[in-house]
C-alpha atoms as a PDB file:
ATOM      1  CA  MET A   1     164.011  92.430  52.110  1.00  0.00           C
ATOM      2  CA  LYS A   2     161.919  89.467  50.941  1.00  0.00           C
ATOM      3  CA  ILE A   3     159.422  90.310  48.177  1.00  0.00           C
ATOM      4  CA  ASP A   4     157.364  87.789  46.263  1.00  0.00           C
ATOM      5  CA  LEU A   5     157.846  88.172  42.522  1.00  0.00           C
ATOM      6  CA  PRO A   6     156.267  86.527  39.480  1.00  0.00           C
ATOM      7  CA  ASP A   7     158.327  83.637  38.118  1.00  0.00           C
ATOM      8  CA  LYS A   8     159.758  85.635  35.201  1.00  0.00           C
ATOM      9  CA  GLU A   9     161.033  88.499  37.366  1.00  0.00           C
ATOM     10  CA  ALA A  10     162.213  86.099  40.102  1.00  0.00           C
ATOM     11  CA  LYS A  11     164.369  84.399  37.476  1.00  0.00           C
ATOM     12  CA  ILE A  12     165.766  87.779  36.372  1.00  0.00           C
ATOM     13  CA  LEU A  13     166.570  88.639  39.999  1.00  0.00           C
ATOM     14  CA  ARG A  14     168.479  85.388  40.467  1.00  0.00           C
ATOM     15  CA  ARG A  15     170.512  86.233  37.362  1.00  0.00           C
ATOM     16  CA  ILE A  16     171.256  89.731  38.664  1.00  0.00           C
ATOM     17  CA  ARG A  17     172.415  88.342  42.013  1.00  0.00           C
ATOM     18  CA  ARG A  18     175.125  86.326  40.315  1.00  0.00           C
ATOM     19  CA  ASN A  19     176.961  89.566  39.579  1.00  0.00           C
ATOM     20  CA  TYR A  20     175.644  92.152  42.046  1.00  0.00           C
ATOM     21  CA  LYS A  21     174.893  92.364  45.745  1.00  0.00           C
ATOM     22  CA  VAL A  22     171.367  93.796  45.678  1.00  0.00           C
ATOM     23  CA  ASP A  23     168.302  94.330  47.818  1.00  0.00           C
ATOM     24  CA  PHE A  24     165.009  96.171  47.612  1.00  0.00           C
ATOM     25  CA  ALA A  25     164.756  99.669  49.059  1.00  0.00           C
ATOM     26  CA  PRO A  26     161.380 101.335  49.648  1.00  0.00           C
ATOM     27  CA  LEU A  27     160.848 104.728  48.056  1.00  0.00           C
ATOM     28  CA  LYS A  28     157.811 106.793  49.007  1.00  0.00           C
ATOM     29  CA  ILE A  29     156.766 109.567  46.624  1.00  0.00           C
ATOM     30  CA  ARG A  30     153.752 111.324  48.169  1.00  0.00           C
ATOM     31  CA  ASP A  31     151.167 108.540  48.533  1.00  0.00           C
ATOM     32  CA  ILE A  32     152.931 106.177  46.128  1.00  0.00           C
ATOM     33  CA  ASN A  33     155.123 103.384  47.494  1.00  0.00           C
ATOM     34  CA  LEU A  34     157.769 101.843  45.269  1.00  0.00           C
ATOM     35  CA  GLN A  35     160.265  99.045  45.794  1.00  0.00           C
ATOM     36  CA  LEU A  36     163.515  99.728  43.949  1.00  0.00           C
ATOM     37  CA  LEU A  37     166.111  97.049  43.388  1.00  0.00           C
ATOM     38  CA  GLN A  38     169.426  98.693  44.256  1.00  0.00           C
ATOM     39  CA  VAL A  39     173.074  97.697  44.430  1.00  0.00           C
ATOM     40  CA  GLN A  40     174.240  97.474  48.039  1.00  0.00           C
ATOM     41  CA  ASP A  41     178.025  97.717  47.580  1.00  0.00           C
ATOM     42  CA  LEU A  42     178.099 100.934  45.554  1.00  0.00           C
ATOM     43  CA  GLU A  43     181.457 102.115  46.862  1.00  0.00           C
ATOM     44  CA  ASP A  44     183.150  98.858  45.847  1.00  0.00           C
ATOM     45  CA  ILE A  45     181.790  99.251  42.314  1.00  0.00           C
ATOM     46  CA  LEU A  46     182.357 102.992  41.941  1.00  0.00           C
ATOM     47  CA  GLN A  47     185.860 102.888  43.488  1.00  0.00           C
ATOM     48  CA  GLY A  48     185.889 106.612  44.147  1.00  0.00           C
ATOM     49  CA  ARG A  49     185.021 107.622  40.579  1.00  0.00           C
ATOM     50  CA  ASP A  50     183.610 111.136  40.310  1.00  0.00           C
ATOM     51  CA  PRO A  51     180.381 111.484  38.265  1.00  0.00           C
ATOM     52  CA  PHE A  52     181.435 115.015  37.323  1.00  0.00           C
ATOM     53  CA  ALA A  53     185.052 114.203  36.399  1.00  0.00           C
ATOM     54  CA  ASN A  54     185.148 110.529  35.352  1.00  0.00           C
ATOM     55  CA  ILE A  55     182.165 110.788  33.014  1.00  0.00           C
ATOM     56  CA  ALA A  56     183.273 108.137  30.522  1.00  0.00           C
ATOM     57  CA  GLU A  57     183.905 105.607  33.292  1.00  0.00           C
ATOM     58  CA  PHE A  58     180.986 106.299  35.636  1.00  0.00           C
ATOM     59  CA  PRO A  59     178.025 103.858  35.535  1.00  0.00           C
ATOM     60  CA  PHE A  60     175.307 106.500  35.900  1.00  0.00           C
ATOM     61  CA  TRP A  61     172.462 103.975  35.909  1.00  0.00           C
ATOM     62  CA  ILE A  62     173.552 102.272  39.093  1.00  0.00           C
ATOM     63  CA  LYS A  63     172.795 105.104  41.547  1.00  0.00           C
ATOM     64  CA  LEU A  64     169.492 106.613  42.656  1.00  0.00           C
ATOM     65  CA  TRP A  65     170.201 110.292  42.006  1.00  0.00           C
ATOM     66  CA  GLU A  66     168.645 113.174  43.899  1.00  0.00           C
ATOM     67  CA  ALA A  67     167.485 114.477  40.519  1.00  0.00           C
ATOM     68  CA  ALA A  68     165.565 111.235  39.939  1.00  0.00           C
ATOM     69  CA  ILE A  69     163.700 111.676  43.225  1.00  0.00           C
ATOM     70  CA  ILE A  70     162.782 115.247  42.257  1.00  0.00           C
ATOM     71  CA  LEU A  71     161.620 114.034  38.846  1.00  0.00           C
ATOM     72  CA  ALA A  72     159.516 111.314  40.472  1.00  0.00           C
ATOM     73  CA  GLU A  73     157.815 114.032  42.529  1.00  0.00           C
ATOM     74  CA  VAL A  74     157.085 115.901  39.310  1.00  0.00           C
ATOM     75  CA  ALA A  75     155.693 112.760  37.676  1.00  0.00           C
ATOM     76  CA  VAL A  76     153.162 112.131  40.432  1.00  0.00           C
ATOM     77  CA  SER A  77     152.095 115.782  40.396  1.00  0.00           C
ATOM     78  CA  LEU A  78     150.926 115.399  36.788  1.00  0.00           C
ATOM     79  CA  ASN A  79     147.468 114.210  35.795  1.00  0.00           C
ATOM     80  CA  PRO A  80     147.381 111.749  32.878  1.00  0.00           C
ATOM     81  CA  ALA A  81     143.933 113.027  31.892  1.00  0.00           C
ATOM     82  CA  GLN A  82     145.344 116.536  31.462  1.00  0.00           C
ATOM     83  CA  ALA A  83     148.939 115.886  30.363  1.00  0.00           C
ATOM     84  CA  GLY A  84     148.011 112.964  28.101  1.00  0.00           C
ATOM     85  CA  PRO A  85     148.507 109.305  28.966  1.00  0.00           C
ATOM     86  CA  ARG A  86     151.721 108.374  27.136  1.00  0.00           C
ATOM     87  CA  LEU A  87     154.982 109.010  29.038  1.00  0.00           C
ATOM     88  CA  LEU A  88     158.545 108.050  28.113  1.00  0.00           C
ATOM     89  CA  GLU A  89     161.483 108.046  30.514  1.00  0.00           C
ATOM     90  CA  LEU A  90     164.823 108.384  28.716  1.00  0.00           C
ATOM     91  CA  GLY A  91     167.988 106.963  30.272  1.00  0.00           C
ATOM     92  CA  ALA A  92     165.765 105.604  33.007  1.00  0.00           C
ATOM     93  CA  GLY A  93     168.455 103.815  35.023  1.00  0.00           C
ATOM     94  CA  LEU A  94     166.788 102.469  38.153  1.00  0.00           C
ATOM     95  CA  GLY A  95     163.523 103.896  36.841  1.00  0.00           C
ATOM     96  CA  ALA A  96     162.120 105.698  39.889  1.00  0.00           C
ATOM     97  CA  PRO A  97     160.430 108.572  37.995  1.00  0.00           C
ATOM     98  CA  GLY A  98     158.887 106.296  35.374  1.00  0.00           C
ATOM     99  CA  LEU A  99     157.697 103.767  37.957  1.00  0.00           C
ATOM    100  CA  ALA A 100     156.131 106.582  39.965  1.00  0.00           C
ATOM    101  CA  ALA A 101     154.405 107.825  36.805  1.00  0.00           C
ATOM    102  CA  ALA A 102     153.100 104.314  36.116  1.00  0.00           C
ATOM    103  CA  ALA A 103     151.657 104.165  39.641  1.00  0.00           C
ATOM    104  CA  GLN A 104     150.057 107.555  38.935  1.00  0.00           C
ATOM    105  CA  GLY A 105     148.213 106.049  35.976  1.00  0.00           C
ATOM    106  CA  PHE A 106     150.404 106.983  33.004  1.00  0.00           C
ATOM    107  CA  GLU A 107     151.093 104.552  30.146  1.00  0.00           C
ATOM    108  CA  VAL A 108     154.839 104.479  30.756  1.00  0.00           C
ATOM    109  CA  THR A 109     157.730 103.273  28.645  1.00  0.00           C
ATOM    110  CA  LEU A 110     161.059 102.960  30.470  1.00  0.00           C
ATOM    111  CA  SER A 111     164.013 103.159  28.117  1.00  0.00           C
ATOM    112  CA  ASP A 112     167.748 102.613  28.380  1.00  0.00           C
ATOM    113  CA  TYR A 113     170.485 100.969  26.349  1.00  0.00           C
ATOM    114  CA  GLU A 114     171.720  97.870  28.244  1.00  0.00           C
ATOM    115  CA  THR A 115     169.957  94.636  29.109  1.00  0.00           C
ATOM    116  CA  ILE A 116     171.219  94.651  32.705  1.00  0.00           C
ATOM    117  CA  ILE A 117     169.716  98.091  33.326  1.00  0.00           C
ATOM    118  CA  MET A 118     166.328  97.012  32.040  1.00  0.00           C
ATOM    119  CA  ASP A 119     166.563  93.833  34.112  1.00  0.00           C
ATOM    120  CA  PHE A 120     166.751  96.012  37.246  1.00  0.00           C
ATOM    121  CA  GLN A 121     163.762  98.011  35.970  1.00  0.00           C
ATOM    122  CA  ARG A 122     161.681  94.901  35.287  1.00  0.00           C
ATOM    123  CA  VAL A 123     162.268  93.515  38.775  1.00  0.00           C
ATOM    124  CA  SER A 124     161.485  96.872  40.441  1.00  0.00           C
ATOM    125  CA  ALA A 125     158.322  97.251  38.370  1.00  0.00           C
ATOM    126  CA  ALA A 126     157.086  93.824  39.432  1.00  0.00           C
ATOM    127  CA  ALA A 127     157.964  94.494  43.074  1.00  0.00           C
ATOM    128  CA  SER A 128     156.110  97.822  42.876  1.00  0.00           C
ATOM    129  CA  HIS A 129     153.045  96.271  41.196  1.00  0.00           C
ATOM    130  CA  VAL A 130     153.164  98.457  38.095  1.00  0.00           C
ATOM    131  CA  LYS A 131     153.375  97.384  34.459  1.00  0.00           C
ATOM    132  CA  PRO A 132     155.337  99.797  32.270  1.00  0.00           C
ATOM    133  CA  ALA A 133     156.648  98.902  28.845  1.00  0.00           C
ATOM    134  CA  PHE A 134     160.412  98.628  28.299  1.00  0.00           C
ATOM    135  CA  ALA A 135     162.418  99.770  25.288  1.00  0.00           C
ATOM    136  CA  SER A 136     166.070  99.659  24.303  1.00  0.00           C
ATOM    137  CA  LEU A 137     166.578 103.113  22.820  1.00  0.00           C
ATOM    138  CA  ASP A 138     169.638 104.424  20.978  1.00  0.00           C
ATOM    139  CA  TRP A 139     169.450 108.219  20.774  1.00  0.00           C
ATOM    140  CA  THR A 140     171.667 108.234  17.694  1.00  0.00           C
ATOM    141  CA  LYS A 141     169.137 105.995  15.920  1.00  0.00           C
ATOM    142  CA  PRO A 142     165.815 106.471  17.742  1.00  0.00           C
ATOM    143  CA  ALA A 143     163.264 103.778  17.036  1.00  0.00           C
ATOM    144  CA  ASN A 144     159.982 104.395  15.289  1.00  0.00           C
ATOM    145  CA  MET A 145     157.555 104.717  18.170  1.00  0.00           C
ATOM    146  CA  GLU A 146     154.198 106.371  18.598  1.00  0.00           C
ATOM    147  CA  PRO A 147     154.923 109.906  19.897  1.00  0.00           C
ATOM    148  CA  PHE A 148     154.581 110.611  23.614  1.00  0.00           C
ATOM    149  CA  ASP A 149     152.657 113.279  25.501  1.00  0.00           C
ATOM    150  CA  THR A 150     155.419 113.606  28.084  1.00  0.00           C
ATOM    151  CA  ILE A 151     159.135 112.774  28.054  1.00  0.00           C
ATOM    152  CA  ILE A 152     161.173 112.797  31.270  1.00  0.00           C
ATOM    153  CA  GLY A 153     164.823 112.261  32.148  1.00  0.00           C
ATOM    154  CA  ALA A 154     167.080 112.597  35.207  1.00  0.00           C
ATOM    155  CA  GLU A 155     170.876 112.978  34.929  1.00  0.00           C
ATOM    156  CA  ILE A 156     170.880 112.114  31.238  1.00  0.00           C
ATOM    157  CA  LEU A 157     172.942 115.093  29.984  1.00  0.00           C
ATOM    158  CA  PHE A 158     176.394 113.830  30.927  1.00  0.00           C
ATOM    159  CA  ARG A 159     177.945 113.408  27.438  1.00  0.00           C
ATOM    160  CA  GLU A 160     178.335 116.403  25.165  1.00  0.00           C
ATOM    161  CA  ASP A 161     178.437 114.232  22.033  1.00  0.00           C
ATOM    162  CA  LEU A 162     174.875 113.030  22.765  1.00  0.00           C
ATOM    163  CA  LEU A 163     173.247 116.461  23.068  1.00  0.00           C
ATOM    164  CA  GLU A 164     172.365 116.764  19.371  1.00  0.00           C
ATOM    165  CA  PRO A 165     171.108 113.148  19.162  1.00  0.00           C
ATOM    166  CA  LEU A 166     168.952 113.796  22.231  1.00  0.00           C
ATOM    167  CA  LEU A 167     167.379 116.866  20.624  1.00  0.00           C
ATOM    168  CA  LYS A 168     166.639 114.799  17.521  1.00  0.00           C
ATOM    169  CA  THR A 169     165.112 112.104  19.731  1.00  0.00           C
ATOM    170  CA  PHE A 170     162.859 114.710  21.333  1.00  0.00           C
ATOM    171  CA  LYS A 171     161.828 115.968  17.902  1.00  0.00           C
ATOM    172  CA  LYS A 172     160.936 112.462  16.760  1.00  0.00           C
ATOM    173  CA  LEU A 173     159.232 111.121  19.886  1.00  0.00           C
ATOM    174  CA  LEU A 174     157.436 114.127  21.455  1.00  0.00           C
ATOM    175  CA  LYS A 175     153.966 115.172  20.355  1.00  0.00           C
ATOM    176  CA  PRO A 176     153.822 118.792  19.093  1.00  0.00           C
ATOM    177  CA  ASP A 177     151.877 119.873  22.180  1.00  0.00           C
ATOM    178  CA  GLY A 178     153.841 117.659  24.560  1.00  0.00           C
ATOM    179  CA  SER A 179     156.117 118.483  27.487  1.00  0.00           C
ATOM    180  CA  ILE A 180     159.646 117.481  28.491  1.00  0.00           C
ATOM    181  CA  TYR A 181     160.767 117.444  32.129  1.00  0.00           C
ATOM    182  CA  LEU A 182     164.467 117.155  32.929  1.00  0.00           C
ATOM    183  CA  ALA A 183     166.230 117.135  36.298  1.00  0.00           C
ATOM    184  CA  HIS A 184     169.989 117.440  36.848  1.00  0.00           C
ATOM    185  CA  ASP A 185     172.519 118.318  39.483  1.00  0.00           C
ATOM    186  CA  LEU A 186     173.349 122.002  39.071  1.00  0.00           C
ATOM    187  CA  ARG A 187     177.024 121.052  38.686  1.00  0.00           C
ATOM    188  CA  ARG A 188     176.368 119.132  35.454  1.00  0.00           C
ATOM    189  CA  GLN A 189     178.132 121.450  32.987  1.00  0.00           C
ATOM    190  CA  THR A 190     176.693 119.827  29.856  1.00  0.00           C
ATOM    191  CA  LEU A 191     173.248 120.890  31.099  1.00  0.00           C
ATOM    192  CA  TYR A 192     173.957 124.513  30.234  1.00  0.00           C
ATOM    193  CA  LYS A 193     175.247 123.635  26.768  1.00  0.00           C
ATOM    194  CA  PHE A 194     172.118 121.592  26.159  1.00  0.00           C
ATOM    195  CA  LEU A 195     169.775 124.367  27.294  1.00  0.00           C
ATOM    196  CA  ALA A 196     171.538 126.826  24.999  1.00  0.00           C
ATOM    197  CA  LYS A 197     170.973 124.484  22.041  1.00  0.00           C
ATOM    198  CA  ALA A 198     167.400 123.637  23.026  1.00  0.00           C
ATOM    199  CA  GLY A 199     166.458 127.300  23.402  1.00  0.00           C
ATOM    200  CA  ASP A 200     166.251 127.660  19.634  1.00  0.00           C
ATOM    201  CA  ASP A 201     163.174 125.440  19.432  1.00  0.00           C
ATOM    202  CA  TYR A 202     161.780 125.229  22.960  1.00  0.00           C
ATOM    203  CA  LYS A 203     160.349 127.494  25.599  1.00  0.00           C
ATOM    204  CA  ILE A 204     162.265 126.552  28.742  1.00  0.00           C
ATOM    205  CA  MET A 205     161.082 126.981  32.315  1.00  0.00           C
ATOM    206  CA  THR A 206     163.573 126.503  35.145  1.00  0.00           C
ATOM    207  CA  LYS A 207     163.324 125.861  38.875  1.00  0.00           C
ATOM    208  CA  LYS A 208     166.150 125.206  41.336  1.00  0.00           C
ATOM    209  CA  ILE A 209     165.524 122.882  44.281  1.00  0.00           C
ATOM    210  CA  ASP A 210     167.876 122.455  47.256  1.00  0.00           C
ATOM    211  CA  LEU A 211     168.169 119.052  48.925  1.00  0.00           C
ATOM    212  CA  ASN A 212     170.051 118.062  52.070  1.00  0.00           C
ATOM    213  CA  SER A 213     171.434 114.558  52.543  1.00  0.00           C
ATOM    214  CA  GLU A 214     174.215 112.752  54.391  1.00  0.00           C
ATOM    215  CA  GLU A 215     176.501 113.700  51.496  1.00  0.00           C
ATOM    216  CA  GLY A 216     175.711 117.391  51.948  1.00  0.00           C
ATOM    217  CA  LYS A 217     173.642 119.926  50.072  1.00  0.00           C
ATOM    218  CA  THR A 218     172.667 119.257  46.459  1.00  0.00           C
ATOM    219  CA  THR A 219     170.928 121.712  44.165  1.00  0.00           C
ATOM    220  CA  VAL A 220     168.841 120.173  41.407  1.00  0.00           C
ATOM    221  CA  MET A 221     167.788 122.137  38.346  1.00  0.00           C
ATOM    222  CA  LEU A 222     164.360 121.184  37.051  1.00  0.00           C
ATOM    223  CA  ASN A 223     163.534 122.206  33.469  1.00  0.00           C
ATOM    224  CA  CYS A 224     160.274 122.021  31.569  1.00  0.00           C
ATOM    225  CA  LEU A 225     160.542 122.325  27.781  1.00  0.00           C
ATOM    226  CA  ARG A 226     157.707 122.925  25.327  1.00  0.00           C
ATOM    227  CA  LEU A 227     157.960 123.604  21.607  1.00  0.00           C
ATOM    228  CA  LYS A 228     157.699 127.261  20.632  1.00  0.00           C
END
C-alpha cells in the first residue's frame, strides 16, 4: 500500500525495508482508522517459535496481538476529559492501542526498549496522522517522567523476572488516582503471578473476552487496576 509520509518518516521506512519485508495494514477501531506498518513474512522470522514456550526467543513486538486490538478498543472508549489527558503505553510494540488513544485525543507516549521497534511506531504514527511522543523505557531503571493519568499494556507480562520492576514502574509513573489497563492472552501464565503480586496494592477488575480468528478461538483477559 502506497502512503505518503513526511521526509523524516519516509527515511525511517526506507531503513526498515533494508531488513524487513513490510507493508501498511489498515486497522479500524470503531470510527478511528489507523495504518500500521507490519512485517509481511512473519512465519519466516518466527520459524515456528511458540510465544508461550519460547519466551526468551520470541520477538513479541513484531506481531499484532489480539490483546492489543482489545486494548485499542478500550483506549477509544475512554474520554480524555474524564480519564485525564496523559496516557502511557508500556511495551507498545506495533503501538495500536497507543495510536488509537492518540486519535481519541489523549496526549500519548509510546514506549519500548529498542530503536527498531520505535521506528515502526514512528512510521505508523505518521501514516495514521497522529503525533504521540516516543520514549525508550527500561522498567528496571524507569526514567523520571511526569506521572500519567492512564497506563496501558498488551502482552507485556511474558517474563517473570520483570514483574517486580513493572510494579515499581507503575508506582513511579502512575498518578495516585490513575488507572492501568492490561490485556493478555488467558494462556499467559505470568499474568496470574503478576495479579497476585499487584493485589497487595491495587483493586483489580477483570473481564474475559472471546475472539475468533483464522487461528482459532482466543480468550483475552482485560484487567483494570487502581490503587487501593
